[in-house]
Amino acid sequence: MAPNDKLMLPIKGKTLLRRVAEQALQLSIPTHVALPQKPHPRWEALHGLDLSLAAHEDSAEGLSGTLRASVARLPSSVTHLCVVLADLPDIQSQDFRAVFEEVKTYPDASIWRPLGPKGQPAHPTVFHRSTFADFTTIAGDSGAKPVIEKFRSTLHEFSATTHAGSHDIDTPRDYQAYLNSI
């Protein structure tokens, strides 16, 4: 999307980043957002929301750096981490509720991940504390894929109740197609 910041793209009068954050906040659970160093427009986009905001120098590395830094700073009382990317324009609170219900129903898993309509990995994904130490070694823009691969034997996948967690905006064409669909 360069030179544009896709998370700052407007959709129905709000930035994509704010839309996703507002959906997470409907669950009334602590929500942490990893952001680039200040000053950055993403900070202002989230102004006034009841979020924990933090800048991580590792974020410049990409998704893995952001996840690595975020997990390293989790309080020891956190038993589960729900990860959602902020480029999912249709993600809804019901998508979060669905994955949390799977966590309750299948408590022996270590990772819970929805699958999209074509069987592709989707979001949000929940990780148990037993996986957190493995986030220290991830690098590049692969995100949590190495952690998921290591814990594949205790990965619980399920069909998503919506398609929202598998429809992201990565290109100007994706953005325009999305705007044309709403």
C-alpha atoms as a PDB file:
ATOM      1  CA  MET A   1       0.000   0.000   0.000  1.00  0.00           C
ATOM      2  CA  ALA A   2       3.062   2.283   0.140  1.00  0.00           C
ATOM      3  CA  PRO A   3       3.131   5.199   0.395  1.00  0.00           C
ATOM      4  CA  ASN A   4      -0.272   4.906   2.112  1.00  0.00           C
ATOM      5  CA  ASP A   5      -0.705   3.379   5.554  1.00  0.00           C
ATOM      6  CA  LYS A   6      -3.448   0.835   4.965  1.00  0.00           C
ATOM      7  CA  LEU A   7      -4.525   0.935   8.619  1.00  0.00           C
ATOM      8  CA  MET A   8      -5.300   4.630   8.240  1.00  0.00           C
ATOM      9  CA  LEU A   9      -7.565   4.135   5.216  1.00  0.00           C
ATOM     10  CA  PRO A  10     -11.080   5.470   5.816  1.00  0.00           C
ATOM     11  CA  ILE A  11     -13.992   3.058   5.817  1.00  0.00           C
ATOM     12  CA  LYS A  12     -17.417   4.426   6.646  1.00  0.00           C
ATOM     13  CA  GLY A  13     -15.900   7.489   8.302  1.00  0.00           C
ATOM     14  CA  LYS A  14     -13.365   5.688  10.514  1.00  0.00           C
ATOM     15  CA  THR A  15      -9.862   4.420   9.967  1.00  0.00           C
ATOM     16  CA  LEU A  16      -9.499   0.694   9.448  1.00  0.00           C
ATOM     17  CA  LEU A  17      -7.401   0.519  12.634  1.00  0.00           C
ATOM     18  CA  ARG A  18     -10.087   2.200  14.753  1.00  0.00           C
ATOM     19  CA  ARG A  19     -12.845  -0.032  13.311  1.00  0.00           C
ATOM     20  CA  VAL A  20     -10.987  -3.200  14.321  1.00  0.00           C
ATOM     21  CA  ALA A  21     -10.136  -1.808  17.778  1.00  0.00           C
ATOM     22  CA  GLU A  22     -13.763  -0.858  18.417  1.00  0.00           C
ATOM     23  CA  GLN A  23     -14.910  -4.390  17.602  1.00  0.00           C
ATOM     24  CA  ALA A  24     -12.414  -5.860  20.069  1.00  0.00           C
ATOM     25  CA  LEU A  25     -13.506  -3.405  22.754  1.00  0.00           C
ATOM     26  CA  GLN A  26     -17.118  -4.606  22.542  1.00  0.00           C
ATOM     27  CA  LEU A  27     -15.956  -7.688  24.446  1.00  0.00           C
ATOM     28  CA  SER A  28     -14.982  -5.684  27.546  1.00  0.00           C
ATOM     29  CA  ILE A  29     -11.631  -7.440  27.888  1.00  0.00           C
ATOM     30  CA  PRO A  30      -8.192  -5.812  28.163  1.00  0.00           C
ATOM     31  CA  THR A  31      -7.032  -4.908  24.662  1.00  0.00           C
ATOM     32  CA  HIS A  32      -3.435  -4.091  23.796  1.00  0.00           C
ATOM     33  CA  VAL A  33      -2.443  -2.420  20.540  1.00  0.00           C
ATOM     34  CA  ALA A  34       1.148  -2.406  19.314  1.00  0.00           C
ATOM     35  CA  LEU A  35       1.950   0.777  17.421  1.00  0.00           C
ATOM     36  CA  PRO A  36       4.912   2.405  15.697  1.00  0.00           C
ATOM     37  CA  GLN A  37       6.970   4.874  17.711  1.00  0.00           C
ATOM     38  CA  LYS A  38       5.411   8.319  18.332  1.00  0.00           C
ATOM     39  CA  PRO A  39       4.715  10.566  16.614  1.00  0.00           C
ATOM     40  CA  HIS A  40       2.575   8.503  14.273  1.00  0.00           C
ATOM     41  CA  PRO A  41      -1.004   9.024  13.036  1.00  0.00           C
ATOM     42  CA  ARG A  42      -2.087   5.633  14.363  1.00  0.00           C
ATOM     43  CA  TRP A  43      -1.859   6.974  17.919  1.00  0.00           C
ATOM     44  CA  GLU A  44      -4.349   9.739  17.121  1.00  0.00           C
ATOM     45  CA  ALA A  45      -6.623   7.283  15.281  1.00  0.00           C
ATOM     46  CA  LEU A  46      -7.108   5.395  18.559  1.00  0.00           C
ATOM     47  CA  HIS A  47      -7.439   8.468  20.773  1.00  0.00           C
ATOM     48  CA  GLY A  48     -10.203   8.197  23.354  1.00  0.00           C
ATOM     49  CA  LEU A  49     -10.537   4.400  23.222  1.00  0.00           C
ATOM     50  CA  ASP A  50     -10.000   2.317  26.364  1.00  0.00           C
ATOM     51  CA  LEU A  51      -6.937   0.523  25.018  1.00  0.00           C
ATOM     52  CA  SER A  52      -3.459  -0.256  26.228  1.00  0.00           C
ATOM     53  CA  LEU A  53      -1.216   1.358  23.612  1.00  0.00           C
ATOM     54  CA  ALA A  54       2.499   0.696  23.333  1.00  0.00           C
ATOM     55  CA  ALA A  55       5.270   1.358  20.868  1.00  0.00           C
ATOM     56  CA  HIS A  56       7.773  -1.393  20.303  1.00  0.00           C
ATOM     57  CA  GLU A  57      11.038  -0.710  18.506  1.00  0.00           C
ATOM     58  CA  ASP A  58      10.862  -4.266  17.157  1.00  0.00           C
ATOM     59  CA  SER A  59       7.721  -3.266  15.219  1.00  0.00           C
ATOM     60  CA  ALA A  60       9.898  -1.780  12.475  1.00  0.00           C
ATOM     61  CA  GLU A  61      10.958  -5.354  11.670  1.00  0.00           C
ATOM     62  CA  GLY A  62       7.421  -6.316  10.706  1.00  0.00           C
ATOM     63  CA  LEU A  63       4.748  -8.570  12.120  1.00  0.00           C
ATOM     64  CA  SER A  64       7.133 -10.956  13.883  1.00  0.00           C
ATOM     65  CA  GLY A  65       8.918  -8.103  15.644  1.00  0.00           C
ATOM     66  CA  THR A  66       5.626  -6.652  16.823  1.00  0.00           C
ATOM     67  CA  LEU A  67       4.406 -10.000  18.134  1.00  0.00           C
ATOM     68  CA  ARG A  68       7.746 -10.842  19.750  1.00  0.00           C
ATOM     69  CA  ALA A  69       7.866  -7.513  21.600  1.00  0.00           C
ATOM     70  CA  SER A  70       4.198  -7.601  22.591  1.00  0.00           C
ATOM     71  CA  VAL A  71       4.354 -11.120  24.012  1.00  0.00           C
ATOM     72  CA  ALA A  72       7.565 -10.311  25.898  1.00  0.00           C
ATOM     73  CA  ARG A  73       5.759  -7.499  27.717  1.00  0.00           C
ATOM     74  CA  LEU A  74       2.663  -9.456  28.748  1.00  0.00           C
ATOM     75  CA  PRO A  75       2.025  -9.572  32.491  1.00  0.00           C
ATOM     76  CA  SER A  76       2.627 -13.008  34.012  1.00  0.00           C
ATOM     77  CA  SER A  77      -1.073 -13.200  34.883  1.00  0.00           C
ATOM     78  CA  VAL A  78      -2.054 -13.423  31.188  1.00  0.00           C
ATOM     79  CA  THR A  79      -2.976 -17.000  30.296  1.00  0.00           C
ATOM     80  CA  HIS A  80      -4.187 -16.471  26.726  1.00  0.00           C
ATOM     81  CA  LEU A  81      -3.346 -14.030  23.953  1.00  0.00           C
ATOM     82  CA  CYS A  82      -5.789 -13.230  21.168  1.00  0.00           C
ATOM     83  CA  VAL A  83      -4.074 -11.920  18.039  1.00  0.00           C
ATOM     84  CA  VAL A  84      -5.957 -10.091  15.325  1.00  0.00           C
ATOM     85  CA  LEU A  85      -4.508  -8.129  12.470  1.00  0.00           C
ATOM     86  CA  ALA A  86      -5.846  -4.627  11.942  1.00  0.00           C
ATOM     87  CA  ASP A  87      -6.344  -4.908   8.181  1.00  0.00           C
ATOM     88  CA  LEU A  88      -9.579  -6.921   8.430  1.00  0.00           C
ATOM     89  CA  PRO A  89     -12.362  -4.461   7.564  1.00  0.00           C
ATOM     90  CA  ASP A  90     -15.271  -6.779   8.386  1.00  0.00           C
ATOM     91  CA  ILE A  91     -14.038  -8.320  11.639  1.00  0.00           C
ATOM     92  CA  GLN A  92     -16.810  -8.219  14.229  1.00  0.00           C
ATOM     93  CA  SER A  93     -17.080  -8.846  17.936  1.00  0.00           C
ATOM     94  CA  GLN A  94     -18.862 -12.114  17.065  1.00  0.00           C
ATOM     95  CA  ASP A  95     -15.632 -13.364  15.442  1.00  0.00           C
ATOM     96  CA  PHE A  96     -13.841 -12.836  18.757  1.00  0.00           C
ATOM     97  CA  ARG A  97     -16.675 -14.456  20.683  1.00  0.00           C
ATOM     98  CA  ALA A  98     -16.560 -17.497  18.385  1.00  0.00           C
ATOM     99  CA  VAL A  99     -12.860 -18.142  18.989  1.00  0.00           C
ATOM    100  CA  PHE A 100     -13.267 -17.606  22.750  1.00  0.00           C
ATOM    101  CA  GLU A 101     -16.092 -20.152  22.761  1.00  0.00           C
ATOM    102  CA  GLU A 102     -13.747 -22.639  21.069  1.00  0.00           C
ATOM    103  CA  VAL A 103     -11.156 -21.981  23.796  1.00  0.00           C
ATOM    104  CA  LYS A 104     -13.752 -22.881  26.433  1.00  0.00           C
ATOM    105  CA  THR A 105     -15.004 -25.928  24.530  1.00  0.00           C
ATOM    106  CA  TYR A 106     -11.532 -27.282  23.693  1.00  0.00           C
ATOM    107  CA  PRO A 107      -9.370 -26.232  26.675  1.00  0.00           C
ATOM    108  CA  ASP A 108      -6.610 -28.785  26.005  1.00  0.00           C
ATOM    109  CA  ALA A 109      -5.488 -27.078  22.803  1.00  0.00           C
ATOM    110  CA  SER A 110      -2.647 -24.560  22.850  1.00  0.00           C
ATOM    111  CA  ILE A 111      -3.727 -22.553  19.793  1.00  0.00           C
ATOM    112  CA  TRP A 112      -7.241 -21.910  18.502  1.00  0.00           C
ATOM    113  CA  ARG A 113      -7.602 -20.688  14.919  1.00  0.00           C
ATOM    114  CA  PRO A 114     -10.616 -20.235  12.667  1.00  0.00           C
ATOM    115  CA  LEU A 115     -10.523 -21.310   9.045  1.00  0.00           C
ATOM    116  CA  GLY A 116     -12.015 -19.222   6.270  1.00  0.00           C
ATOM    117  CA  PRO A 117     -14.445 -20.351   3.572  1.00  0.00           C
ATOM    118  CA  LYS A 118     -11.713 -22.049   1.511  1.00  0.00           C
ATOM    119  CA  GLY A 119     -10.060 -23.682   4.519  1.00  0.00           C
ATOM    120  CA  GLN A 120      -7.427 -20.949   4.808  1.00  0.00           C
ATOM    121  CA  PRO A 121      -6.173 -19.734   8.205  1.00  0.00           C
ATOM    122  CA  ALA A 122      -8.139 -16.763   9.483  1.00  0.00           C
ATOM    123  CA  HIS A 123      -8.325 -14.438  12.492  1.00  0.00           C
ATOM    124  CA  PRO A 124      -8.589 -13.880  15.377  1.00  0.00           C
ATOM    125  CA  THR A 125      -6.231 -16.574  16.706  1.00  0.00           C
ATOM    126  CA  VAL A 126      -5.747 -17.372  20.388  1.00  0.00           C
ATOM    127  CA  PHE A 127      -2.474 -18.630  21.882  1.00  0.00           C
ATOM    128  CA  HIS A 128      -2.115 -20.289  25.304  1.00  0.00           C
ATOM    129  CA  ARG A 129       0.650 -19.171  27.666  1.00  0.00           C
ATOM    130  CA  SER A 130       2.506 -22.434  26.928  1.00  0.00           C
ATOM    131  CA  THR A 131       3.362 -21.003  23.488  1.00  0.00           C
ATOM    132  CA  PHE A 132       4.616 -17.602  24.674  1.00  0.00           C
ATOM    133  CA  ALA A 133       8.298 -18.561  25.088  1.00  0.00           C
ATOM    134  CA  ASP A 134       8.424 -19.562  21.421  1.00  0.00           C
ATOM    135  CA  PHE A 135       7.532 -16.034  20.329  1.00  0.00           C
ATOM    136  CA  THR A 136      11.044 -14.959  21.412  1.00  0.00           C
ATOM    137  CA  THR A 137      12.584 -16.593  18.340  1.00  0.00           C
ATOM    138  CA  ILE A 138      10.274 -15.460  15.552  1.00  0.00           C
ATOM    139  CA  ALA A 139      11.701 -13.039  13.003  1.00  0.00           C
ATOM    140  CA  GLY A 140      10.843 -11.270   9.770  1.00  0.00           C
ATOM    141  CA  ASP A 141       7.321 -10.885   8.456  1.00  0.00           C
ATOM    142  CA  SER A 142       6.165 -14.468   8.991  1.00  0.00           C
ATOM    143  CA  GLY A 143       4.309 -13.564  12.157  1.00  0.00           C
ATOM    144  CA  ALA A 144       3.379 -16.449  14.427  1.00  0.00           C
ATOM    145  CA  LYS A 145       3.645 -19.128  11.712  1.00  0.00           C
ATOM    146  CA  PRO A 146       6.695 -20.792  13.336  1.00  0.00           C
ATOM    147  CA  VAL A 147       4.878 -20.943  16.688  1.00  0.00           C
ATOM    148  CA  ILE A 148       1.788 -22.421  15.073  1.00  0.00           C
ATOM    149  CA  GLU A 149       3.926 -24.996  13.255  1.00  0.00           C
ATOM    150  CA  LYS A 150       5.710 -26.031  16.451  1.00  0.00           C
ATOM    151  CA  PHE A 151       2.399 -26.506  18.271  1.00  0.00           C
ATOM    152  CA  ARG A 152       0.552 -28.061  15.320  1.00  0.00           C
ATOM    153  CA  SER A 153      -0.256 -31.190  17.353  1.00  0.00           C
ATOM    154  CA  THR A 154      -2.247 -29.071  19.828  1.00  0.00           C
ATOM    155  CA  LEU A 155      -3.691 -26.643  17.283  1.00  0.00           C
ATOM    156  CA  HIS A 156      -7.476 -26.544  17.261  1.00  0.00           C
ATOM    157  CA  GLU A 157      -8.899 -25.309  13.966  1.00  0.00           C
ATOM    158  CA  PHE A 158     -12.573 -24.727  13.314  1.00  0.00           C
ATOM    159  CA  SER A 159     -14.788 -23.277  10.606  1.00  0.00           C
ATOM    160  CA  ALA A 160     -15.252 -19.550  11.069  1.00  0.00           C
ATOM    161  CA  THR A 161     -18.803 -18.354  11.581  1.00  0.00           C
ATOM    162  CA  THR A 162     -18.158 -15.413   9.235  1.00  0.00           C
ATOM    163  CA  HIS A 163     -15.707 -14.698   6.422  1.00  0.00           C
ATOM    164  CA  ALA A 164     -14.466 -11.517   8.110  1.00  0.00           C
ATOM    165  CA  GLY A 165     -11.249 -12.972   9.531  1.00  0.00           C
ATOM    166  CA  SER A 166     -10.017 -14.104   6.136  1.00  0.00           C
ATOM    167  CA  HIS A 167     -10.729 -10.968   4.106  1.00  0.00           C
ATOM    168  CA  ASP A 168      -7.943  -8.411   4.450  1.00  0.00           C
ATOM    169  CA  ILE A 169      -6.850  -5.290   2.626  1.00  0.00           C
ATOM    170  CA  ASP A 170      -3.312  -5.471   1.283  1.00  0.00           C
ATOM    171  CA  THR A 171      -3.351  -3.488  -1.956  1.00  0.00           C
ATOM    172  CA  PRO A 172      -5.038  -0.392  -3.399  1.00  0.00           C
ATOM    173  CA  ARG A 173      -7.067  -2.774  -5.548  1.00  0.00           C
ATOM    174  CA  ASP A 174      -8.259  -4.676  -2.442  1.00  0.00           C
ATOM    175  CA  TYR A 175      -9.268  -1.380  -0.856  1.00  0.00           C
ATOM    176  CA  GLN A 176     -11.178  -0.183  -3.904  1.00  0.00           C
ATOM    177  CA  ALA A 177     -12.928  -3.551  -4.271  1.00  0.00           C
ATOM    178  CA  TYR A 178     -13.934  -3.395  -0.626  1.00  0.00           C
ATOM    179  CA  LEU A 179     -15.288   0.143  -0.968  1.00  0.00           C
ATOM    180  CA  ASN A 180     -17.263  -0.939  -4.029  1.00  0.00           C
ATOM    181  CA  SER A 181     -18.793  -3.838  -2.058  1.00  0.00           C
ATOM    182  CA  ILE A 182     -20.158  -1.783   0.836  1.00  0.00           C
END
